[in-house]
Amino acid sequence: MIINYIIFAIRLFRRDKFHSALNIIGLSTGIAYDILIFFGTAIAALIVAFLTASYHCLRVLELTR
């Protein structure tokens, strides 16, 4: 069944190259932006976690002096 899908996709690509290329470019662009958003939010979460932890460390040092 999967081989039939692959053969069908190859036939469509050969028949309508412009729309196939447009779909592939759109898919790759969407996946790239999803990866960028994922890593951007992960880095932002790490920065927030670090800043909140540094605030507590600074507060403990101020209280012990």
C-alpha atoms as a PDB file:
ATOM      1  CA  MET A   1       0.000   0.000   0.000  1.00  0.00           C
ATOM      2  CA  ILE A   2       2.815   2.406   0.813  1.00  0.00           C
ATOM      3  CA  ILE A   3       4.468   1.618  -2.526  1.00  0.00           C
ATOM      4  CA  ASN A   4       1.255   2.665  -4.264  1.00  0.00           C
ATOM      5  CA  TYR A   5       1.352   6.013  -2.444  1.00  0.00           C
ATOM      6  CA  ILE A   6       4.980   6.535  -3.475  1.00  0.00           C
ATOM      7  CA  ILE A   7       4.229   5.699  -7.105  1.00  0.00           C
ATOM      8  CA  PHE A   8       1.216   8.026  -7.024  1.00  0.00           C
ATOM      9  CA  ALA A   9       3.322  10.850  -5.559  1.00  0.00           C
ATOM     10  CA  ILE A  10       5.994  10.372  -8.220  1.00  0.00           C
ATOM     11  CA  ARG A  11       3.364  10.512 -10.972  1.00  0.00           C
ATOM     12  CA  LEU A  12       1.875  13.704  -9.548  1.00  0.00           C
ATOM     13  CA  PHE A  13       5.328  15.263  -9.242  1.00  0.00           C
ATOM     14  CA  ARG A  14       6.109  14.480 -12.862  1.00  0.00           C
ATOM     15  CA  ARG A  15       2.745  15.759 -14.054  1.00  0.00           C
ATOM     16  CA  ASP A  16       2.589  19.023 -12.086  1.00  0.00           C
ATOM     17  CA  LYS A  17       6.090  20.105 -11.117  1.00  0.00           C
ATOM     18  CA  PHE A  18       5.263  23.680 -10.131  1.00  0.00           C
ATOM     19  CA  HIS A  19       2.614  22.795  -7.560  1.00  0.00           C
ATOM     20  CA  SER A  20       4.704  19.919  -6.238  1.00  0.00           C
ATOM     21  CA  ALA A  21       7.713  22.189  -5.770  1.00  0.00           C
ATOM     22  CA  LEU A  22       5.512  24.831  -4.152  1.00  0.00           C
ATOM     23  CA  ASN A  23       4.116  22.263  -1.705  1.00  0.00           C
ATOM     24  CA  ILE A  24       7.583  20.938  -0.866  1.00  0.00           C
ATOM     25  CA  ILE A  25       8.943  24.459  -0.298  1.00  0.00           C
ATOM     26  CA  GLY A  26       5.968  25.325   1.901  1.00  0.00           C
ATOM     27  CA  LEU A  27       6.337  22.141   3.925  1.00  0.00           C
ATOM     28  CA  SER A  28      10.066  22.615   4.450  1.00  0.00           C
ATOM     29  CA  THR A  29       9.577  26.265   5.408  1.00  0.00           C
ATOM     30  CA  GLY A  30       6.874  25.341   7.906  1.00  0.00           C
ATOM     31  CA  ILE A  31       9.002  22.637   9.491  1.00  0.00           C
ATOM     32  CA  ALA A  32      11.980  25.005   9.702  1.00  0.00           C
ATOM     33  CA  TYR A  33       9.906  27.676  11.446  1.00  0.00           C
ATOM     34  CA  ASP A  34       8.466  25.091  13.848  1.00  0.00           C
ATOM     35  CA  ILE A  35      11.992  24.015  14.802  1.00  0.00           C
ATOM     36  CA  LEU A  36      13.066  27.646  15.279  1.00  0.00           C
ATOM     37  CA  ILE A  37      10.044  28.386  17.465  1.00  0.00           C
ATOM     38  CA  PHE A  38      10.637  25.241  19.514  1.00  0.00           C
ATOM     39  CA  PHE A  39      14.291  26.075  20.159  1.00  0.00           C
ATOM     40  CA  GLY A  40      13.472  29.734  20.818  1.00  0.00           C
ATOM     41  CA  THR A  41      10.925  28.856  23.485  1.00  0.00           C
ATOM     42  CA  ALA A  42      13.246  26.246  25.001  1.00  0.00           C
ATOM     43  CA  ILE A  43      16.070  28.788  25.279  1.00  0.00           C
ATOM     44  CA  ALA A  44      13.684  31.373  26.738  1.00  0.00           C
ATOM     45  CA  ALA A  45      12.522  28.854  29.346  1.00  0.00           C
ATOM     46  CA  LEU A  46      16.128  28.071  30.269  1.00  0.00           C
ATOM     47  CA  ILE A  47      16.929  31.768  30.642  1.00  0.00           C
ATOM     48  CA  VAL A  48      13.898  32.319  32.849  1.00  0.00           C
ATOM     49  CA  ALA A  49      14.810  29.317  34.997  1.00  0.00           C
ATOM     50  CA  PHE A  50      18.386  30.572  35.327  1.00  0.00           C
ATOM     51  CA  LEU A  51      17.331  34.101  36.223  1.00  0.00           C
ATOM     52  CA  THR A  52      14.880  32.952  38.880  1.00  0.00           C
ATOM     53  CA  ALA A  53      17.504  30.647  40.367  1.00  0.00           C
ATOM     54  CA  SER A  54      20.125  33.422  40.390  1.00  0.00           C
ATOM     55  CA  TYR A  55      17.702  35.717  42.187  1.00  0.00           C
ATOM     56  CA  HIS A  56      17.276  33.154  44.970  1.00  0.00           C
ATOM     57  CA  CYS A  57      21.025  32.657  45.232  1.00  0.00           C
ATOM     58  CA  LEU A  58      21.590  36.408  45.482  1.00  0.00           C
ATOM     59  CA  ARG A  59      18.893  36.706  48.118  1.00  0.00           C
ATOM     60  CA  VAL A  60      20.419  33.940  50.233  1.00  0.00           C
ATOM     61  CA  LEU A  61      23.829  35.606  50.036  1.00  0.00           C
ATOM     62  CA  GLU A  62      22.369  38.942  51.103  1.00  0.00           C
ATOM     63  CA  LEU A  63      20.592  37.409  54.070  1.00  0.00           C
ATOM     64  CA  THR A  64      23.672  35.594  55.342  1.00  0.00           C
ATOM     65  CA  ARG A  65      25.889  38.679  55.421  1.00  0.00           C
END
